[in-house]
């Protein structure tokens, strides 16, 4: 039977991770390499940006949105690493 390692991130760690992904998106935008990423990655970026605006700019305190943003950031980070 496979064992899985479980860990819980604090909210500060999650926000730090989200900001790191946001910075990666900005670097990608500034470099002009949007054409080198897949459509799936572009859709993840669009979804991430939408959630980021809801949570951090519009200050929506819905925990579900924050969780969706954390999940989107994790998936997007993995896609960006694979495609770079």
N, C-alpha and C. Protein backbone atom coordinates (compact mmCIF):
# COMPACT_ATOMS: atom_id res chain seq x y z
N UNK A 1 0.85 -1.18 0.00
CA UNK A 1 0.00 0.00 0.00
C UNK A 1 0.89 1.24 0.00
N UNK A 2 0.55 2.18 -0.82
CA UNK A 2 1.32 3.42 -0.91
C UNK A 2 0.98 4.35 0.23
N UNK A 3 1.98 5.00 0.74
CA UNK A 3 1.75 6.00 1.78
C UNK A 3 1.80 7.37 1.15
N UNK A 4 0.92 8.22 1.60
CA UNK A 4 0.92 9.59 1.13
C UNK A 4 1.34 10.50 2.28
N UNK A 5 2.15 11.47 1.93
CA UNK A 5 2.53 12.47 2.93
C UNK A 5 1.50 13.58 2.90
N UNK A 6 0.97 13.88 4.05
CA UNK A 6 -0.02 14.94 4.16
C UNK A 6 0.59 16.10 4.94
N UNK A 7 0.29 17.26 4.51
CA UNK A 7 0.72 18.44 5.24
C UNK A 7 -0.31 19.53 5.04
N UNK A 8 -0.35 20.42 5.97
CA UNK A 8 -1.29 21.53 5.91
C UNK A 8 -0.48 22.81 5.83
N UNK A 9 -0.77 23.61 4.83
CA UNK A 9 -0.09 24.89 4.70
C UNK A 9 -0.88 25.93 5.49
N UNK A 10 -0.15 26.86 6.05
CA UNK A 10 -0.82 27.97 6.71
C UNK A 10 -1.30 28.95 5.64
N UNK A 11 -2.19 29.82 6.02
CA UNK A 11 -2.71 30.80 5.08
C UNK A 11 -1.59 31.68 4.54
N UNK A 12 -0.61 32.02 5.38
CA UNK A 12 0.50 32.84 4.93
C UNK A 12 1.31 32.12 3.85
N UNK A 13 1.52 30.82 4.03
CA UNK A 13 2.25 30.04 3.03
C UNK A 13 1.46 29.96 1.72
N UNK A 14 0.15 29.80 1.84
CA UNK A 14 -0.69 29.74 0.64
C UNK A 14 -0.64 31.06 -0.12
N UNK A 15 -0.74 32.17 0.61
CA UNK A 15 -0.69 33.49 -0.03
C UNK A 15 0.68 33.71 -0.67
N UNK A 16 1.73 33.28 -0.01
CA UNK A 16 3.08 33.40 -0.57
C UNK A 16 3.19 32.59 -1.86
N UNK A 17 2.64 31.40 -1.85
CA UNK A 17 2.66 30.54 -3.05
C UNK A 17 1.87 31.19 -4.18
N UNK A 18 0.71 31.74 -3.87
CA UNK A 18 -0.12 32.42 -4.87
C UNK A 18 0.63 33.60 -5.47
N UNK A 19 1.29 34.39 -4.63
CA UNK A 19 2.06 35.54 -5.12
C UNK A 19 3.22 35.09 -6.00
N UNK A 20 3.84 33.97 -5.65
CA UNK A 20 4.93 33.44 -6.46
C UNK A 20 4.43 33.05 -7.86
N UNK A 21 3.27 32.40 -7.91
CA UNK A 21 2.69 32.03 -9.21
C UNK A 21 2.31 33.29 -9.99
N UNK A 22 1.76 34.28 -9.30
CA UNK A 22 1.40 35.55 -9.95
C UNK A 22 2.64 36.20 -10.57
N UNK A 23 3.75 36.16 -9.84
CA UNK A 23 5.01 36.71 -10.37
C UNK A 23 5.49 35.93 -11.59
N UNK A 24 5.32 34.61 -11.57
CA UNK A 24 5.71 33.79 -12.72
C UNK A 24 4.89 34.16 -13.95
N UNK A 25 3.60 34.42 -13.75
CA UNK A 25 2.74 34.83 -14.86
C UNK A 25 3.20 36.19 -15.40
N UNK A 26 3.54 37.10 -14.50
CA UNK A 26 4.03 38.42 -14.93
C UNK A 26 5.32 38.30 -15.73
N UNK A 27 6.23 37.43 -15.27
CA UNK A 27 7.49 37.22 -15.99
C UNK A 27 7.22 36.65 -17.38
N UNK A 28 6.27 35.71 -17.47
CA UNK A 28 5.90 35.14 -18.76
C UNK A 28 5.32 36.21 -19.67
N UNK A 29 4.47 37.06 -19.12
CA UNK A 29 3.86 38.13 -19.90
C UNK A 29 4.92 39.11 -20.40
N UNK A 30 5.82 39.50 -19.51
CA UNK A 30 6.86 40.47 -19.88
C UNK A 30 7.84 39.91 -20.91
N UNK A 31 8.07 38.60 -20.86
CA UNK A 31 9.01 37.99 -21.81
C UNK A 31 8.38 37.79 -23.18
N UNK A 32 7.05 37.87 -23.26
CA UNK A 32 6.37 37.70 -24.54
C UNK A 32 6.27 36.26 -25.00
N UNK A 33 6.44 35.32 -24.09
CA UNK A 33 6.42 33.90 -24.45
C UNK A 33 5.06 33.24 -24.30
N UNK A 34 3.99 34.02 -24.33
CA UNK A 34 2.66 33.44 -24.20
C UNK A 34 2.36 32.46 -25.34
N UNK A 35 2.97 32.68 -26.49
CA UNK A 35 2.70 31.82 -27.63
C UNK A 35 3.36 30.45 -27.50
N UNK A 36 4.25 30.31 -26.54
CA UNK A 36 4.94 29.03 -26.37
C UNK A 36 4.24 28.11 -25.37
N UNK A 37 3.17 28.57 -24.74
CA UNK A 37 2.47 27.72 -23.77
C UNK A 37 1.20 27.16 -24.40
N UNK A 38 0.74 26.05 -23.84
CA UNK A 38 -0.43 25.37 -24.39
C UNK A 38 -1.71 26.15 -24.09
N UNK A 39 -2.75 25.82 -24.82
CA UNK A 39 -4.06 26.44 -24.58
C UNK A 39 -4.57 26.10 -23.18
N UNK A 40 -4.27 24.89 -22.72
CA UNK A 40 -4.69 24.50 -21.37
C UNK A 40 -4.02 25.41 -20.33
N UNK A 41 -2.76 25.70 -20.51
CA UNK A 41 -2.05 26.58 -19.58
C UNK A 41 -2.62 27.99 -19.65
N UNK A 42 -2.91 28.46 -20.85
CA UNK A 42 -3.52 29.79 -20.98
C UNK A 42 -4.87 29.85 -20.28
N UNK A 43 -5.64 28.78 -20.35
CA UNK A 43 -6.93 28.73 -19.66
C UNK A 43 -6.72 28.72 -18.14
N UNK A 44 -5.71 28.01 -17.67
CA UNK A 44 -5.40 28.03 -16.23
C UNK A 44 -4.98 29.42 -15.79
N UNK A 45 -4.22 30.12 -16.62
CA UNK A 45 -3.81 31.49 -16.30
C UNK A 45 -5.03 32.39 -16.22
N UNK A 46 -5.95 32.24 -17.17
CA UNK A 46 -7.17 33.04 -17.17
C UNK A 46 -7.98 32.78 -15.90
N UNK A 47 -8.13 31.51 -15.55
CA UNK A 47 -8.89 31.15 -14.34
C UNK A 47 -8.20 31.68 -13.09
N UNK A 48 -6.87 31.52 -13.02
CA UNK A 48 -6.11 32.01 -11.88
C UNK A 48 -6.29 33.52 -11.73
N UNK A 49 -6.14 34.26 -12.83
CA UNK A 49 -6.28 35.72 -12.77
C UNK A 49 -7.67 36.13 -12.32
N UNK A 50 -8.70 35.44 -12.80
CA UNK A 50 -10.07 35.74 -12.39
C UNK A 50 -10.24 35.54 -10.87
N UNK A 51 -9.76 34.42 -10.37
CA UNK A 51 -9.87 34.14 -8.94
C UNK A 51 -9.02 35.12 -8.12
N UNK A 52 -7.83 35.44 -8.63
CA UNK A 52 -6.94 36.37 -7.92
C UNK A 52 -7.63 37.73 -7.74
N UNK A 53 -8.27 38.20 -8.79
CA UNK A 53 -8.99 39.48 -8.71
C UNK A 53 -10.11 39.40 -7.69
N UNK A 54 -10.87 38.30 -7.72
CA UNK A 54 -11.98 38.14 -6.77
C UNK A 54 -11.48 38.17 -5.32
N UNK A 55 -10.41 37.44 -5.05
CA UNK A 55 -9.94 37.27 -3.68
C UNK A 55 -9.15 38.48 -3.18
N UNK A 56 -8.21 38.97 -3.98
CA UNK A 56 -7.29 40.00 -3.48
C UNK A 56 -7.67 41.43 -3.85
N UNK A 57 -8.30 41.63 -4.98
CA UNK A 57 -8.64 42.99 -5.37
C UNK A 57 -10.06 43.37 -4.97
N UNK A 58 -10.98 42.44 -5.12
CA UNK A 58 -12.36 42.71 -4.71
C UNK A 58 -12.62 42.30 -3.27
N UNK A 59 -11.62 41.70 -2.64
CA UNK A 59 -11.64 41.31 -1.23
C UNK A 59 -12.83 40.41 -0.88
N UNK A 60 -13.12 39.45 -1.75
CA UNK A 60 -14.18 38.48 -1.48
C UNK A 60 -13.66 37.49 -0.44
N UNK A 61 -14.30 37.44 0.71
CA UNK A 61 -13.83 36.62 1.83
C UNK A 61 -14.36 35.19 1.79
N UNK A 62 -14.93 34.78 0.69
CA UNK A 62 -15.47 33.43 0.56
C UNK A 62 -14.32 32.41 0.61
N UNK A 63 -14.31 31.51 1.62
CA UNK A 63 -13.22 30.54 1.72
C UNK A 63 -13.13 29.61 0.52
N UNK A 64 -14.25 29.37 -0.12
CA UNK A 64 -14.26 28.50 -1.30
C UNK A 64 -13.43 29.11 -2.43
N UNK A 65 -13.53 30.42 -2.61
CA UNK A 65 -12.75 31.09 -3.66
C UNK A 65 -11.25 31.01 -3.37
N UNK A 66 -10.88 31.18 -2.10
CA UNK A 66 -9.47 31.08 -1.73
C UNK A 66 -8.97 29.66 -2.00
N UNK A 67 -9.76 28.67 -1.65
CA UNK A 67 -9.37 27.28 -1.89
C UNK A 67 -9.21 27.02 -3.39
N UNK A 68 -10.15 27.51 -4.19
CA UNK A 68 -10.05 27.35 -5.64
C UNK A 68 -8.79 28.02 -6.18
N UNK A 69 -8.46 29.17 -5.62
CA UNK A 69 -7.25 29.89 -6.04
C UNK A 69 -6.00 29.10 -5.68
N UNK A 70 -5.97 28.51 -4.49
CA UNK A 70 -4.82 27.70 -4.07
C UNK A 70 -4.65 26.51 -5.01
N UNK A 71 -5.75 25.83 -5.32
CA UNK A 71 -5.70 24.68 -6.22
C UNK A 71 -5.26 25.11 -7.62
N UNK A 72 -5.80 26.22 -8.10
CA UNK A 72 -5.42 26.73 -9.43
C UNK A 72 -3.94 27.10 -9.46
N UNK A 73 -3.45 27.72 -8.40
CA UNK A 73 -2.04 28.11 -8.34
C UNK A 73 -1.14 26.89 -8.38
N UNK A 74 -1.52 25.84 -7.66
CA UNK A 74 -0.73 24.62 -7.64
C UNK A 74 -0.67 23.97 -9.02
N UNK A 75 -1.83 23.84 -9.65
CA UNK A 75 -1.87 23.24 -10.98
C UNK A 75 -1.14 24.08 -12.02
N UNK A 76 -1.31 25.37 -11.93
CA UNK A 76 -0.67 26.28 -12.89
C UNK A 76 0.85 26.25 -12.72
N UNK A 77 1.31 26.23 -11.50
CA UNK A 77 2.75 26.18 -11.26
C UNK A 77 3.34 24.92 -11.89
N UNK A 78 2.68 23.79 -11.72
CA UNK A 78 3.17 22.54 -12.31
C UNK A 78 3.20 22.62 -13.83
N UNK A 79 2.15 23.18 -14.43
CA UNK A 79 2.10 23.31 -15.89
C UNK A 79 3.21 24.25 -16.39
N UNK A 80 3.41 25.36 -15.70
CA UNK A 80 4.45 26.30 -16.14
C UNK A 80 5.84 25.68 -16.05
N UNK A 81 6.07 24.89 -15.01
CA UNK A 81 7.37 24.24 -14.86
C UNK A 81 7.59 23.23 -15.98
N UNK A 82 6.56 22.45 -16.29
CA UNK A 82 6.67 21.44 -17.35
C UNK A 82 6.92 22.07 -18.72
N UNK A 83 6.30 23.21 -18.95
CA UNK A 83 6.38 23.83 -20.28
C UNK A 83 7.57 24.76 -20.45
N UNK A 84 8.29 25.02 -19.37
CA UNK A 84 9.44 25.93 -19.51
C UNK A 84 10.73 25.17 -19.75
